[in-house]
Amino acid sequence: MPRLSKQLIVAILLYLPLSIQASLSIGSQAPSFILNDQNNISHNLEDYRGGWVILYFYPKDDTPGCTTQACDFRDAIDRIIASKSTVFGVSLDSVESHKRFAEKNKLPFSLLSDTGGSVSKAYDSLNNFISFKTSKRNTFIIDPEGNIAKIYLSVKPSTHSQMILNDLNQLQN
């Protein structure tokens, strides 16, 4: 059997149907984390207490679906800020990869580098295919008290930010 290339494995992981059941639930404490962004700035979830956090996990920088999703959040950033929320993208890519991806797509929010996959795993958002790992396309809204307010599993990249904004409006009222 021929060896599978990394690109083929990524393609398989991106298009496999996701049938996960998150062990995290609405109302549970969001797992804490400290991760560096594309500018090598450290972000600690605890520092965002008192505000709403949108934490979206995605498989890989610069792939079609991930680019669509990131640009969807980019285009909605004014409405996200107006909702008094902070958005973070998280994948297993390096700080350097995030920097190139953010600059290329003019992303005005932080992309967090979870190279070891520990945060993705804590959020039940880690694909582990043989020895190849990626983050699943899951999103969590975290309330000002640090609890999970909403969970989205396997989202549609092109319309995800509008779904988030609609739900944030309901959650905040």
N, C-alpha and C. Protein backbone atom coordinates (compact mmCIF):
# COMPACT_ATOMS: atom_id res chain seq x y z
N MET A 1 0.85 -1.19 0.00
CA MET A 1 0.00 0.00 0.00
C MET A 1 0.89 1.24 0.00
N PRO A 2 0.65 2.21 -0.88
CA PRO A 2 1.48 3.41 -0.93
C PRO A 2 1.29 4.27 0.32
N ARG A 3 2.34 5.02 0.66
CA ARG A 3 2.24 5.94 1.80
C ARG A 3 1.32 7.10 1.46
N LEU A 4 0.50 7.49 2.44
CA LEU A 4 -0.39 8.64 2.23
C LEU A 4 0.38 9.92 2.49
N SER A 5 0.21 10.90 1.64
CA SER A 5 0.85 12.18 1.84
C SER A 5 0.11 12.96 2.93
N LYS A 6 0.81 13.91 3.53
CA LYS A 6 0.17 14.75 4.55
C LYS A 6 -1.03 15.49 3.98
N GLN A 7 -0.93 15.95 2.72
CA GLN A 7 -2.03 16.69 2.10
C GLN A 7 -3.25 15.80 1.95
N LEU A 8 -3.05 14.53 1.59
CA LEU A 8 -4.17 13.61 1.45
C LEU A 8 -4.81 13.34 2.81
N ILE A 9 -3.99 13.18 3.82
CA ILE A 9 -4.52 12.94 5.17
C ILE A 9 -5.33 14.14 5.63
N VAL A 10 -4.81 15.37 5.38
CA VAL A 10 -5.56 16.58 5.75
C VAL A 10 -6.90 16.61 5.01
N ALA A 11 -6.87 16.30 3.72
CA ALA A 11 -8.11 16.29 2.94
C ALA A 11 -9.11 15.29 3.50
N ILE A 12 -8.64 14.11 3.88
CA ILE A 12 -9.53 13.09 4.46
C ILE A 12 -10.13 13.60 5.76
N LEU A 13 -9.28 14.18 6.62
CA LEU A 13 -9.76 14.66 7.91
C LEU A 13 -10.74 15.81 7.76
N LEU A 14 -10.52 16.67 6.76
CA LEU A 14 -11.41 17.82 6.57
C LEU A 14 -12.79 17.41 6.08
N TYR A 15 -12.86 16.30 5.36
CA TYR A 15 -14.13 15.95 4.75
C TYR A 15 -14.82 14.74 5.37
N LEU A 16 -14.20 14.14 6.38
CA LEU A 16 -14.88 13.05 7.07
C LEU A 16 -16.05 13.61 7.86
N PRO A 17 -17.18 12.95 7.87
CA PRO A 17 -18.27 13.43 8.71
C PRO A 17 -17.87 13.29 10.18
N LEU A 18 -18.18 14.29 10.93
CA LEU A 18 -17.83 14.26 12.34
C LEU A 18 -18.99 13.73 13.15
N SER A 19 -18.74 12.71 13.92
CA SER A 19 -19.79 12.14 14.76
C SER A 19 -19.28 12.09 16.19
N ILE A 20 -19.05 13.28 16.74
CA ILE A 20 -18.52 13.32 18.08
C ILE A 20 -19.61 13.75 19.06
N GLN A 21 -19.45 13.33 20.25
CA GLN A 21 -20.29 13.79 21.33
C GLN A 21 -19.37 14.49 22.32
N ALA A 22 -19.54 15.76 22.47
CA ALA A 22 -18.66 16.50 23.35
C ALA A 22 -18.93 16.12 24.80
N SER A 23 -17.85 15.90 25.55
CA SER A 23 -18.03 15.63 26.97
C SER A 23 -18.23 16.94 27.71
N LEU A 24 -17.90 18.05 27.07
CA LEU A 24 -18.20 19.35 27.64
C LEU A 24 -19.68 19.63 27.41
N SER A 25 -20.27 20.36 28.31
CA SER A 25 -21.69 20.66 28.14
C SER A 25 -21.95 22.12 28.46
N ILE A 26 -23.07 22.59 28.00
CA ILE A 26 -23.47 23.97 28.27
C ILE A 26 -23.59 24.14 29.77
N GLY A 27 -22.98 25.20 30.27
CA GLY A 27 -22.99 25.47 31.70
C GLY A 27 -21.73 24.99 32.41
N SER A 28 -20.97 24.10 31.77
CA SER A 28 -19.74 23.62 32.42
C SER A 28 -18.63 24.67 32.29
N GLN A 29 -17.68 24.60 33.20
CA GLN A 29 -16.54 25.52 33.18
C GLN A 29 -15.71 25.26 31.93
N ALA A 30 -15.39 26.31 31.20
CA ALA A 30 -14.55 26.19 30.01
C ALA A 30 -13.13 25.83 30.45
N PRO A 31 -12.51 24.85 29.80
CA PRO A 31 -11.12 24.52 30.14
C PRO A 31 -10.21 25.73 29.95
N SER A 32 -9.36 25.98 30.93
CA SER A 32 -8.46 27.13 30.84
C SER A 32 -7.34 26.84 29.87
N PHE A 33 -6.72 27.89 29.39
CA PHE A 33 -5.58 27.74 28.49
C PHE A 33 -4.74 29.00 28.50
N ILE A 34 -3.49 28.83 28.12
CA ILE A 34 -2.58 29.93 27.83
C ILE A 34 -1.89 29.53 26.53
N LEU A 35 -2.14 30.29 25.45
CA LEU A 35 -1.56 30.01 24.14
C LEU A 35 -1.04 31.29 23.51
N ASN A 36 -0.05 31.16 22.65
CA ASN A 36 0.49 32.30 21.93
C ASN A 36 -0.23 32.47 20.60
N ASP A 37 -0.37 33.74 20.21
CA ASP A 37 -1.01 34.05 18.92
C ASP A 37 0.04 34.27 17.83
N GLN A 38 -0.43 34.72 16.68
CA GLN A 38 0.43 34.91 15.51
C GLN A 38 1.51 35.98 15.72
N ASN A 39 1.35 36.81 16.73
CA ASN A 39 2.35 37.83 17.06
C ASN A 39 3.18 37.42 18.26
N ASN A 40 3.06 36.16 18.65
CA ASN A 40 3.76 35.58 19.80
C ASN A 40 3.35 36.24 21.12
N ILE A 41 2.11 36.75 21.17
CA ILE A 41 1.54 37.31 22.39
C ILE A 41 0.76 36.21 23.09
N SER A 42 0.98 36.07 24.38
CA SER A 42 0.34 35.03 25.16
C SER A 42 -1.08 35.46 25.56
N HIS A 43 -2.03 34.54 25.40
CA HIS A 43 -3.43 34.80 25.78
C HIS A 43 -3.86 33.74 26.80
N ASN A 44 -4.32 34.22 27.94
CA ASN A 44 -4.81 33.37 29.02
C ASN A 44 -6.32 33.56 29.08
N LEU A 45 -7.08 32.48 28.97
CA LEU A 45 -8.54 32.59 28.99
C LEU A 45 -9.02 33.37 30.22
N GLU A 46 -8.35 33.19 31.34
CA GLU A 46 -8.75 33.88 32.58
C GLU A 46 -8.74 35.40 32.43
N ASP A 47 -7.87 35.91 31.56
CA ASP A 47 -7.78 37.36 31.35
C ASP A 47 -9.01 37.93 30.65
N TYR A 48 -9.85 37.07 30.11
CA TYR A 48 -11.04 37.52 29.36
C TYR A 48 -12.33 37.35 30.16
N ARG A 49 -12.18 37.01 31.44
CA ARG A 49 -13.36 36.93 32.32
C ARG A 49 -14.04 38.29 32.33
N GLY A 50 -15.36 38.28 32.38
CA GLY A 50 -16.12 39.52 32.36
C GLY A 50 -16.60 39.88 30.96
N GLY A 51 -16.10 39.17 29.96
CA GLY A 51 -16.52 39.39 28.57
C GLY A 51 -16.85 38.07 27.92
N TRP A 52 -17.45 38.13 26.77
CA TRP A 52 -17.80 36.94 26.00
C TRP A 52 -16.63 36.54 25.11
N VAL A 53 -16.39 35.24 24.99
CA VAL A 53 -15.31 34.74 24.15
C VAL A 53 -15.89 33.75 23.14
N ILE A 54 -15.51 33.94 21.89
CA ILE A 54 -15.83 33.00 20.82
C ILE A 54 -14.53 32.26 20.52
N LEU A 55 -14.51 30.97 20.79
CA LEU A 55 -13.32 30.15 20.61
C LEU A 55 -13.62 29.16 19.50
N TYR A 56 -13.05 29.41 18.32
CA TYR A 56 -13.33 28.50 17.21
C TYR A 56 -12.08 27.72 16.83
N PHE A 57 -12.25 26.42 16.72
CA PHE A 57 -11.18 25.50 16.34
C PHE A 57 -11.32 25.20 14.86
N TYR A 58 -10.18 25.10 14.18
CA TYR A 58 -10.21 24.81 12.75
C TYR A 58 -9.00 23.93 12.40
N PRO A 59 -9.12 23.14 11.34
CA PRO A 59 -8.08 22.15 11.04
C PRO A 59 -6.72 22.68 10.61
N LYS A 60 -6.66 23.63 9.66
CA LYS A 60 -5.37 23.94 9.07
C LYS A 60 -5.37 25.31 8.41
N ASP A 61 -4.33 26.10 8.70
CA ASP A 61 -4.16 27.40 8.04
C ASP A 61 -4.11 27.22 6.52
N ASP A 62 -4.69 28.18 5.83
CA ASP A 62 -4.56 28.31 4.38
C ASP A 62 -5.19 27.16 3.58
N THR A 63 -6.15 26.47 4.16
CA THR A 63 -6.93 25.50 3.39
C THR A 63 -8.26 26.17 3.05
N PRO A 64 -8.96 25.70 2.02
CA PRO A 64 -10.15 26.43 1.56
C PRO A 64 -11.22 26.67 2.63
N GLY A 65 -11.65 25.65 3.33
CA GLY A 65 -12.70 25.83 4.34
C GLY A 65 -12.25 26.70 5.50
N CYS A 66 -11.01 26.53 5.92
CA CYS A 66 -10.48 27.31 7.04
C CYS A 66 -10.30 28.77 6.66
N THR A 67 -9.90 29.03 5.43
CA THR A 67 -9.78 30.40 4.95
C THR A 67 -11.16 31.05 4.88
N THR A 68 -12.14 30.32 4.36
CA THR A 68 -13.51 30.83 4.29
C THR A 68 -14.01 31.19 5.68
N GLN A 69 -13.80 30.31 6.64
CA GLN A 69 -14.27 30.55 8.00
C GLN A 69 -13.57 31.75 8.63
N ALA A 70 -12.25 31.83 8.49
CA ALA A 70 -11.51 32.96 9.07
C ALA A 70 -11.96 34.28 8.45
N CYS A 71 -12.15 34.29 7.14
CA CYS A 71 -12.59 35.52 6.46
C CYS A 71 -14.03 35.87 6.83
N ASP A 72 -14.86 34.88 7.11
CA ASP A 72 -16.22 35.13 7.58
C ASP A 72 -16.18 35.86 8.93
N PHE A 73 -15.32 35.40 9.83
CA PHE A 73 -15.16 36.09 11.11
C PHE A 73 -14.54 37.47 10.91
N ARG A 74 -13.57 37.59 10.00
CA ARG A 74 -12.95 38.89 9.70
C ARG A 74 -14.02 39.89 9.25
N ASP A 75 -14.89 39.46 8.36
CA ASP A 75 -15.91 40.35 7.81
C ASP A 75 -16.97 40.72 8.84
N ALA A 76 -17.08 39.94 9.90
CA ALA A 76 -18.08 40.21 10.94
C ALA A 76 -17.47 40.85 12.18
N ILE A 77 -16.19 41.21 12.12
CA ILE A 77 -15.48 41.65 13.33
C ILE A 77 -16.11 42.88 13.98
N ASP A 78 -16.62 43.83 13.22
CA ASP A 78 -17.25 45.01 13.82
C ASP A 78 -18.48 44.62 14.63
N ARG A 79 -19.27 43.68 14.11
CA ARG A 79 -20.46 43.22 14.85
C ARG A 79 -20.06 42.38 16.06
N ILE A 80 -18.97 41.64 15.95
CA ILE A 80 -18.49 40.85 17.09
C ILE A 80 -18.01 41.79 18.20
N ILE A 81 -17.26 42.81 17.84
CA ILE A 81 -16.80 43.79 18.83
C ILE A 81 -17.99 44.51 19.46
N ALA A 82 -18.99 44.85 18.64
CA ALA A 82 -20.20 45.52 19.16
C ALA A 82 -20.95 44.63 20.15
N SER A 83 -20.81 43.31 20.01
CA SER A 83 -21.46 42.39 20.95
C SER A 83 -20.62 42.19 22.21
N LYS A 84 -19.56 43.00 22.34
CA LYS A 84 -18.65 42.93 23.49
C LYS A 84 -18.04 41.54 23.62
N SER A 85 -17.62 40.99 22.47
CA SER A 85 -17.03 39.66 22.43
C SER A 85 -15.63 39.71 21.83
N THR A 86 -14.85 38.70 22.18
CA THR A 86 -13.52 38.51 21.62
C THR A 86 -13.52 37.17 20.89
N VAL A 87 -12.95 37.17 19.70
CA VAL A 87 -12.90 35.93 18.92
C VAL A 87 -11.45 35.45 18.83
N PHE A 88 -11.28 34.14 19.00
CA PHE A 88 -9.98 33.48 18.82
C PHE A 88 -10.16 32.29 17.91
N GLY A 89 -9.26 32.16 16.94
CA GLY A 89 -9.17 30.93 16.15
C GLY A 89 -8.07 30.08 16.75
N VAL A 90 -8.27 28.76 16.78
CA VAL A 90 -7.29 27.85 17.35
C VAL A 90 -7.05 26.68 16.40
N SER A 91 -5.77 26.42 16.11
CA SER A 91 -5.42 25.20 15.38
C SER A 91 -4.06 24.72 15.88
N LEU A 92 -3.63 23.59 15.38
CA LEU A 92 -2.35 23.02 15.77
C LEU A 92 -1.18 23.62 14.98
N ASP A 93 -1.46 24.57 14.09
CA ASP A 93 -0.40 25.20 13.32
C ASP A 93 0.50 26.06 14.21
N SER A 94 1.70 26.32 13.72
CA SER A 94 2.69 27.10 14.46
C SER A 94 2.34 28.59 14.47
N VAL A 95 3.00 29.31 15.36
CA VAL A 95 2.88 30.77 15.41
C VAL A 95 3.24 31.37 14.05
N GLU A 96 4.31 30.86 13.44
CA GLU A 96 4.76 31.38 12.15
C GLU A 96 3.72 31.15 11.05
N SER A 97 3.13 29.96 11.04
CA SER A 97 2.08 29.66 10.06
C SER A 97 0.88 30.58 10.27
N HIS A 98 0.49 30.78 11.53
CA HIS A 98 -0.62 31.69 11.84
C HIS A 98 -0.31 33.11 11.37
N LYS A 99 0.93 33.53 11.55
CA LYS A 99 1.32 34.89 11.15
C LYS A 99 1.14 35.07 9.64
N ARG A 100 1.62 34.12 8.87
CA ARG A 100 1.47 34.19 7.40
C ARG A 100 -0.01 34.18 7.01
N PHE A 101 -0.80 33.30 7.63
CA PHE A 101 -2.22 33.15 7.32
C PHE A 101 -2.98 34.44 7.68
N ALA A 102 -2.70 34.99 8.85
CA ALA A 102 -3.38 36.21 9.30
C ALA A 102 -3.01 37.40 8.41
N GLU A 103 -1.74 37.53 8.05
CA GLU A 103 -1.33 38.64 7.19
C GLU A 103 -1.92 38.50 5.80
N LYS A 104 -1.88 37.32 5.23
CA LYS A 104 -2.40 37.09 3.88
C LYS A 104 -3.88 37.45 3.79
N ASN A 105 -4.65 37.13 4.85
CA ASN A 105 -6.10 37.33 4.84
C ASN A 105 -6.56 38.53 5.65
N LYS A 106 -5.60 39.33 6.13
CA LYS A 106 -5.90 40.54 6.90
C LYS A 106 -6.86 40.26 8.06
N LEU A 107 -6.50 39.27 8.87
CA LEU A 107 -7.35 38.86 9.99
C LEU A 107 -7.10 39.75 11.19
N PRO A 108 -8.14 40.43 11.70
CA PRO A 108 -7.97 41.38 12.79
C PRO A 108 -8.19 40.75 14.17
N PHE A 109 -8.01 39.47 14.30
CA PHE A 109 -8.19 38.78 15.58
C PHE A 109 -7.05 37.78 15.75
N SER A 110 -6.93 37.26 16.95
CA SER A 110 -5.82 36.37 17.27
C SER A 110 -6.09 34.94 16.84
N LEU A 111 -5.06 34.34 16.25
CA LEU A 111 -5.05 32.91 15.94
C LEU A 111 -4.10 32.27 16.95
N LEU A 112 -4.60 31.35 17.74
CA LEU A 112 -3.81 30.76 18.80
C LEU A 112 -3.18 29.45 18.34
N SER A 113 -1.92 29.29 18.68
CA SER A 113 -1.15 28.12 18.26
C SER A 113 -1.18 27.05 19.36
N ASP A 114 -1.82 25.94 19.05
CA ASP A 114 -1.96 24.81 19.97
C ASP A 114 -1.16 23.62 19.41
N THR A 115 0.14 23.83 19.20
CA THR A 115 0.96 22.83 18.50
C THR A 115 0.94 21.47 19.16
N GLY A 116 0.83 21.40 20.46
CA GLY A 116 0.78 20.11 21.14
C GLY A 116 -0.59 19.48 21.14
N GLY A 117 -1.63 20.26 20.83
CA GLY A 117 -2.99 19.74 20.77
C GLY A 117 -3.69 19.62 22.11
N SER A 118 -3.08 20.09 23.19
CA SER A 118 -3.68 19.90 24.52
C SER A 118 -4.97 20.69 24.70
N VAL A 119 -5.03 21.90 24.15
CA VAL A 119 -6.26 22.70 24.28
C VAL A 119 -7.35 22.12 23.38
N SER A 120 -6.99 21.75 22.16
CA SER A 120 -7.97 21.11 21.27
C SER A 120 -8.53 19.85 21.94
N LYS A 121 -7.68 19.08 22.56
CA LYS A 121 -8.13 17.86 23.25
C LYS A 121 -9.05 18.20 24.43
N ALA A 122 -8.69 19.23 25.21
CA ALA A 122 -9.51 19.63 26.36
C ALA A 122 -10.91 20.07 25.93
N TYR A 123 -11.02 20.59 24.70
CA TYR A 123 -12.32 21.02 24.17
C TYR A 123 -12.94 19.96 23.24
N ASP A 124 -12.50 18.73 23.36
CA ASP A 124 -13.02 17.63 22.53
C ASP A 124 -12.97 17.99 21.05
N SER A 125 -11.92 18.66 20.65
CA SER A 125 -11.81 19.16 19.29
C SER A 125 -10.51 18.72 18.62
N LEU A 126 -10.05 17.51 18.94
CA LEU A 126 -8.81 17.01 18.38
C LEU A 126 -9.08 15.78 17.53
N ASN A 127 -8.72 15.87 16.25
CA ASN A 127 -8.71 14.70 15.36
C ASN A 127 -7.36 14.05 15.51
N ASN A 128 -7.34 12.74 15.69
CA ASN A 128 -6.09 12.02 15.81
C ASN A 128 -6.15 10.82 14.87
N PHE A 129 -5.57 11.00 13.69
CA PHE A 129 -5.61 9.98 12.64
C PHE A 129 -4.22 9.38 12.51
N ILE A 130 -4.04 8.20 13.07
CA ILE A 130 -2.75 7.53 13.15
C ILE A 130 -1.81 8.47 13.91
N SER A 131 -0.80 9.04 13.26
CA SER A 131 0.09 9.97 13.97
C SER A 131 -0.12 11.40 13.49
N PHE A 132 -1.17 11.63 12.71
CA PHE A 132 -1.44 12.96 12.17
C PHE A 132 -2.61 13.58 12.93
N LYS A 133 -2.40 14.78 13.46
CA LYS A 133 -3.43 15.44 14.27
C LYS A 133 -3.84 16.76 13.66
N THR A 134 -5.12 17.10 13.80
CA THR A 134 -5.63 18.42 13.47
C THR A 134 -6.73 18.76 14.47
N SER A 135 -7.11 20.02 14.49
CA SER A 135 -8.27 20.42 15.28
C SER A 135 -9.52 20.18 14.45
N LYS A 136 -10.60 19.81 15.13
CA LYS A 136 -11.90 19.68 14.48
C LYS A 136 -12.50 21.07 14.33
N ARG A 137 -13.46 21.21 13.44
CA ARG A 137 -14.10 22.49 13.19
C ARG A 137 -15.27 22.67 14.18
N ASN A 138 -14.92 22.96 15.42
CA ASN A 138 -15.90 23.17 16.49
C ASN A 138 -15.73 24.58 17.05
N THR A 139 -16.81 25.11 17.62
CA THR A 139 -16.77 26.44 18.20
C THR A 139 -17.48 26.43 19.54
N PHE A 140 -16.99 27.27 20.44
CA PHE A 140 -17.56 27.41 21.78
C PHE A 140 -17.75 28.88 22.08
N ILE A 141 -18.92 29.23 22.59
CA ILE A 141 -19.12 30.57 23.15
C ILE A 141 -18.96 30.41 24.65
N ILE A 142 -18.09 31.24 25.20
CA ILE A 142 -17.80 31.21 26.64
C ILE A 142 -18.35 32.49 27.24
N ASP A 143 -19.15 32.35 28.30
CA ASP A 143 -19.80 33.51 28.90
C ASP A 143 -18.84 34.27 29.82
N PRO A 144 -19.26 35.44 30.32
CA PRO A 144 -18.37 36.27 31.14
C PRO A 144 -17.90 35.60 32.44
N GLU A 145 -18.60 34.57 32.89
CA GLU A 145 -18.19 33.85 34.11
C GLU A 145 -17.23 32.71 33.80
N GLY A 146 -16.93 32.49 32.51
CA GLY A 146 -16.00 31.42 32.13
C GLY A 146 -16.67 30.08 31.90
N ASN A 147 -18.00 30.09 31.71
CA ASN A 147 -18.73 28.86 31.45
C ASN A 147 -19.08 28.74 29.97
N ILE A 148 -19.22 27.53 29.51
CA ILE A 148 -19.59 27.30 28.12
C ILE A 148 -21.08 27.61 27.96
N ALA A 149 -21.38 28.56 27.08
CA ALA A 149 -22.76 28.99 26.86
C ALA A 149 -23.37 28.33 25.63
N LYS A 150 -22.53 27.95 24.66
CA LYS A 150 -23.03 27.35 23.42
C LYS A 150 -21.91 26.53 22.80
N ILE A 151 -22.28 25.39 22.22
CA ILE A 151 -21.34 24.50 21.56
C ILE A 151 -21.82 24.26 20.14
N TYR A 152 -20.91 24.38 19.18
CA TYR A 152 -21.20 24.11 17.78
C TYR A 152 -20.23 23.03 17.31
N LEU A 153 -20.77 21.94 16.81
CA LEU A 153 -19.94 20.85 16.31
C LEU A 153 -20.05 20.79 14.80
N SER A 154 -18.91 20.78 14.14
CA SER A 154 -18.85 20.63 12.68
C SER A 154 -19.70 21.69 11.98
N VAL A 155 -19.19 22.90 11.94
CA VAL A 155 -19.96 24.04 11.43
C VAL A 155 -19.73 24.29 9.95
N LYS A 156 -20.63 25.07 9.35
CA LYS A 156 -20.47 25.49 7.96
C LYS A 156 -19.65 26.79 7.95
N PRO A 157 -18.45 26.76 7.37
CA PRO A 157 -17.53 27.90 7.46
C PRO A 157 -18.08 29.22 6.94
N SER A 158 -18.86 29.21 5.87
CA SER A 158 -19.25 30.47 5.22
C SER A 158 -20.35 31.24 5.95
N THR A 159 -21.07 30.61 6.84
CA THR A 159 -22.18 31.30 7.52
C THR A 159 -22.08 31.22 9.04
N HIS A 160 -20.95 30.75 9.51
CA HIS A 160 -20.82 30.49 10.94
C HIS A 160 -20.88 31.76 11.79
N SER A 161 -20.26 32.83 11.36
CA SER A 161 -20.24 34.04 12.19
C SER A 161 -21.65 34.59 12.41
N GLN A 162 -22.51 34.52 11.40
CA GLN A 162 -23.88 35.02 11.57
C GLN A 162 -24.64 34.17 12.59
N MET A 163 -24.43 32.87 12.56
CA MET A 163 -25.05 31.98 13.55
C MET A 163 -24.57 32.35 14.96
N ILE A 164 -23.29 32.60 15.09
CA ILE A 164 -22.71 33.00 16.38
C ILE A 164 -23.33 34.31 16.86
N LEU A 165 -23.39 35.29 15.98
CA LEU A 165 -23.94 36.60 16.35
C LEU A 165 -25.42 36.50 16.74
N ASN A 166 -26.19 35.70 16.02
CA ASN A 166 -27.60 35.51 16.39
C ASN A 166 -27.72 34.88 17.77
N ASP A 167 -26.91 33.87 18.04
CA ASP A 167 -26.96 33.21 19.34
C ASP A 167 -26.44 34.11 20.45
N LEU A 168 -25.39 34.87 20.18
CA LEU A 168 -24.88 35.81 21.19
C LEU A 168 -25.96 36.83 21.57
N ASN A 169 -26.68 37.30 20.58
CA ASN A 169 -27.77 38.26 20.85
C ASN A 169 -28.79 37.65 21.81
N GLN A 170 -29.17 36.41 21.58
CA GLN A 170 -30.12 35.73 22.47
C GLN A 170 -29.53 35.48 23.85
N LEU A 171 -28.27 35.05 23.89
CA LEU A 171 -27.63 34.74 25.16
C LEU A 171 -27.43 35.99 26.02
N GLN A 172 -27.18 37.13 25.37
CA GLN A 172 -26.91 38.35 26.12
C GLN A 172 -28.17 39.07 26.55
N ASN A 173 -29.31 38.68 26.04
CA ASN A 173 -30.59 39.32 26.42
C ASN A 173 -31.31 38.54 27.48
